[in-house]
Amino acid sequence: MDKDLAQFLVRAKQAVFSGKVQKNANSTRPASKDFGYVEDNLKYIDTFIGSAKFAGEEALWRDDAPIWAMNYIGRMLRDDYSVEFIKEAFEFLNQALTLAPEEHPFRGPSEHHDGDYSYKCTIEGDFHWFSGYEEMFYKGEKVYELVFHGGDVEQAG
């Protein structure tokens, strides 16, 4: 794994999921939400659609050439959660995502707990080719799940 790239990805996620980076004014697709982070010649963009049920992609570029990507799809498990509960749950999720470990900087840590919430993430593979699953629990009840996969990408020619 490129340690500098993994460290950059962790810093980008910390900036985006802590709210230090604002949503890009011009989204790349209709109704998408896009967040970007840049350092020197490295660029990170997270773009997604939906809210309580959503899908998206995170990608990295070096010198404007795509080098890595991850796709994900997630959902709250019931349709009857209040708007307040969903907001609180996603605040907890964003907190967990700022704790992405350098050795697996894809989503959050393997486990995180805060009050009534807990988060779990399992990963197979490495930075170059991986898949995983994350879950969120509220008072022991599973309320959210997400699957993700990704790895290195390169341009032909």
Protein backbone atom coordinates (compact mmCIF):
# COMPACT_ATOMS: atom_id res chain seq x y z
CA MET A 1 0.00 0.00 0.00
CA ASP A 2 1.16 3.52 -0.76
CA LYS A 3 1.42 4.87 2.82
CA ASP A 4 1.31 8.51 1.68
CA LEU A 5 -1.87 7.82 -0.31
CA ALA A 6 -3.52 6.07 2.65
CA GLN A 7 -2.59 8.98 4.94
CA PHE A 8 -4.03 11.43 2.42
CA LEU A 9 -7.28 9.42 2.24
CA VAL A 10 -7.57 9.48 6.04
CA ARG A 11 -7.04 13.27 6.12
CA ALA A 12 -9.59 13.76 3.33
CA LYS A 13 -12.21 11.70 5.17
CA GLN A 14 -11.53 13.54 8.41
CA ALA A 15 -12.08 16.87 6.63
CA VAL A 16 -15.23 15.75 4.79
CA PHE A 17 -16.95 13.77 7.56
CA SER A 18 -16.15 16.28 10.31
CA GLY A 19 -17.92 18.98 8.31
CA LYS A 20 -14.77 21.05 7.65
CA VAL A 21 -15.36 20.73 3.89
CA GLN A 22 -18.53 22.20 2.43
CA LYS A 23 -20.60 20.50 -0.26
CA ASN A 24 -19.48 21.53 -3.76
CA ALA A 25 -21.90 24.08 -5.21
CA ASN A 26 -21.99 22.38 -8.62
CA SER A 27 -22.78 18.69 -8.31
CA THR A 28 -21.55 16.30 -10.97
CA ARG A 29 -24.94 14.60 -11.44
CA PRO A 30 -28.55 15.71 -10.92
CA ALA A 31 -29.43 15.72 -7.20
CA SER A 32 -25.99 14.44 -6.15
CA LYS A 33 -24.01 15.75 -3.21
CA ASP A 34 -20.30 16.16 -3.92
CA PHE A 35 -17.49 16.80 -1.45
CA GLY A 36 -13.88 17.34 -2.45
CA TYR A 37 -10.51 17.66 -0.76
CA VAL A 38 -7.18 18.58 -2.39
CA GLU A 39 -3.56 18.54 -1.21
CA ASP A 40 -0.77 19.31 -3.65
CA ASN A 41 -1.22 16.94 -6.62
CA LEU A 42 -3.75 14.65 -4.85
CA LYS A 43 -7.53 15.04 -5.13
CA TYR A 44 -10.37 13.23 -3.33
CA ILE A 45 -14.03 13.45 -4.36
CA ASP A 46 -16.98 11.77 -2.65
CA THR A 47 -20.22 11.99 -4.63
CA PHE A 48 -23.52 10.36 -3.63
CA ILE A 49 -27.25 10.38 -4.25
CA GLY A 50 -30.08 9.75 -1.80
CA SER A 51 -30.27 10.16 1.96
CA ALA A 52 -31.74 7.41 4.17
CA LYS A 53 -31.13 5.08 1.20
CA PHE A 54 -28.10 6.17 -0.81
CA ALA A 55 -25.31 5.17 -3.16
CA GLY A 56 -22.05 6.80 -4.08
CA GLU A 57 -18.43 6.71 -5.04
CA GLU A 58 -15.22 8.01 -3.54
CA ALA A 59 -12.24 8.42 -5.84
CA LEU A 60 -8.64 9.60 -5.76
CA TRP A 61 -6.62 11.32 -8.48
CA ARG A 62 -2.90 12.02 -8.70
CA ASP A 63 -2.02 14.80 -11.15
CA ASP A 64 -5.66 14.60 -12.39
CA ALA A 65 -5.28 10.92 -13.34
CA PRO A 66 -7.69 8.54 -11.55
CA ILE A 67 -5.81 6.03 -9.36
CA TRP A 68 -8.29 4.56 -6.84
CA ALA A 69 -12.06 4.30 -6.33
CA MET A 70 -14.62 2.86 -3.95
CA ASN A 71 -18.35 2.36 -4.56
CA TYR A 72 -20.90 2.03 -1.78
CA ILE A 73 -24.62 1.62 -1.15
CA GLY A 74 -26.25 2.03 2.24
CA ARG A 75 -29.61 2.30 3.91
CA MET A 76 -31.48 2.83 7.11
CA LEU A 77 -33.30 -0.44 7.76
CA ARG A 78 -36.77 0.94 8.47
CA ASP A 79 -38.88 3.58 6.76
CA ASP A 80 -40.50 4.79 9.99
CA TYR A 81 -37.46 6.43 11.63
CA SER A 82 -38.02 10.09 12.48
CA VAL A 83 -36.05 12.79 10.69
CA GLU A 84 -34.44 13.65 14.04
CA PHE A 85 -33.32 10.05 14.59
CA ILE A 86 -31.86 9.80 11.08
CA LYS A 87 -29.98 13.08 11.58
CA GLU A 88 -28.58 11.89 14.92
CA ALA A 89 -27.65 8.48 13.50
CA PHE A 90 -25.79 10.02 10.57
CA GLU A 91 -23.96 12.40 12.93
CA PHE A 92 -22.73 9.32 14.80
CA LEU A 93 -21.84 7.61 11.51
CA ASN A 94 -19.83 10.66 10.37
CA GLN A 95 -18.02 10.58 13.72
CA ALA A 96 -17.08 6.93 13.12
CA LEU A 97 -15.94 7.69 9.55
CA THR A 98 -13.50 10.36 10.78
CA LEU A 99 -11.75 7.51 12.63
CA ALA A 100 -10.83 5.55 9.48
CA PRO A 101 -7.59 3.69 10.25
CA GLU A 102 -4.59 4.15 7.95
CA GLU A 103 -4.27 0.39 7.38
CA HIS A 104 -7.88 0.23 6.07
CA PRO A 105 -8.89 3.82 5.21
CA PHE A 106 -12.08 2.86 3.36
CA ARG A 107 -14.84 3.53 5.88
CA GLY A 108 -14.53 3.62 9.70
CA PRO A 109 -12.68 1.56 12.31
CA SER A 110 -13.58 -2.07 12.98
CA GLU A 111 -15.64 -0.90 15.99
CA HIS A 112 -16.72 2.40 17.49
CA HIS A 113 -19.12 3.15 20.36
CA ASP A 114 -20.65 6.37 21.66
CA GLY A 115 -23.61 6.39 24.02
CA ASP A 116 -26.46 4.28 22.63
CA TYR A 117 -24.78 3.91 19.23
CA SER A 118 -22.26 1.36 18.03
CA TYR A 119 -20.58 0.89 14.65
CA LYS A 120 -18.94 -2.19 13.13
CA CYS A 121 -16.98 -2.55 9.91
CA THR A 122 -15.52 -5.70 8.37
CA ILE A 123 -13.13 -5.65 5.43
CA GLU A 124 -11.66 -8.27 3.11
CA GLY A 125 -8.63 -7.46 0.98
CA ASP A 126 -6.25 -4.55 0.96
CA PHE A 127 -6.02 -1.00 -0.37
CA HIS A 128 -5.59 -2.24 -3.95
CA TRP A 129 -8.64 -4.59 -4.05
CA PHE A 130 -11.19 -4.85 -1.22
CA SER A 131 -14.79 -5.26 -0.17
CA GLY A 132 -16.54 -4.66 3.11
CA TYR A 133 -19.68 -4.26 5.15
CA GLU A 134 -20.56 -1.76 7.86
CA GLU A 135 -23.40 -1.73 10.36
CA MET A 136 -24.77 0.73 12.89
CA PHE A 137 -26.71 -0.23 16.00
CA TYR A 138 -28.89 1.85 18.31
CA LYS A 139 -29.44 0.35 21.77
CA GLY A 140 -28.41 -3.01 20.32
CA GLU A 141 -30.84 -2.90 17.38
CA LYS A 142 -29.32 -2.87 13.92
CA VAL A 143 -30.61 0.30 12.22
CA TYR A 144 -28.28 0.76 9.24
CA GLU A 145 -26.09 -1.18 6.82
CA LEU A 146 -23.74 -0.44 3.94
CA VAL A 147 -21.72 -2.53 1.49
CA PHE A 148 -18.64 -1.22 -0.30
CA HIS A 149 -15.92 -2.35 -2.66
CA GLY A 150 -13.05 -0.81 -4.55
CA GLY A 151 -9.37 -0.66 -5.36
CA ASP A 152 -6.84 0.64 -7.85
CA VAL A 153 -7.95 2.04 -11.20
CA GLU A 154 -5.86 3.11 -14.17
CA GLN A 155 -6.35 4.69 -17.55
CA ALA A 156 -5.54 2.57 -20.59
CA GLY A 157 -2.81 3.87 -22.84
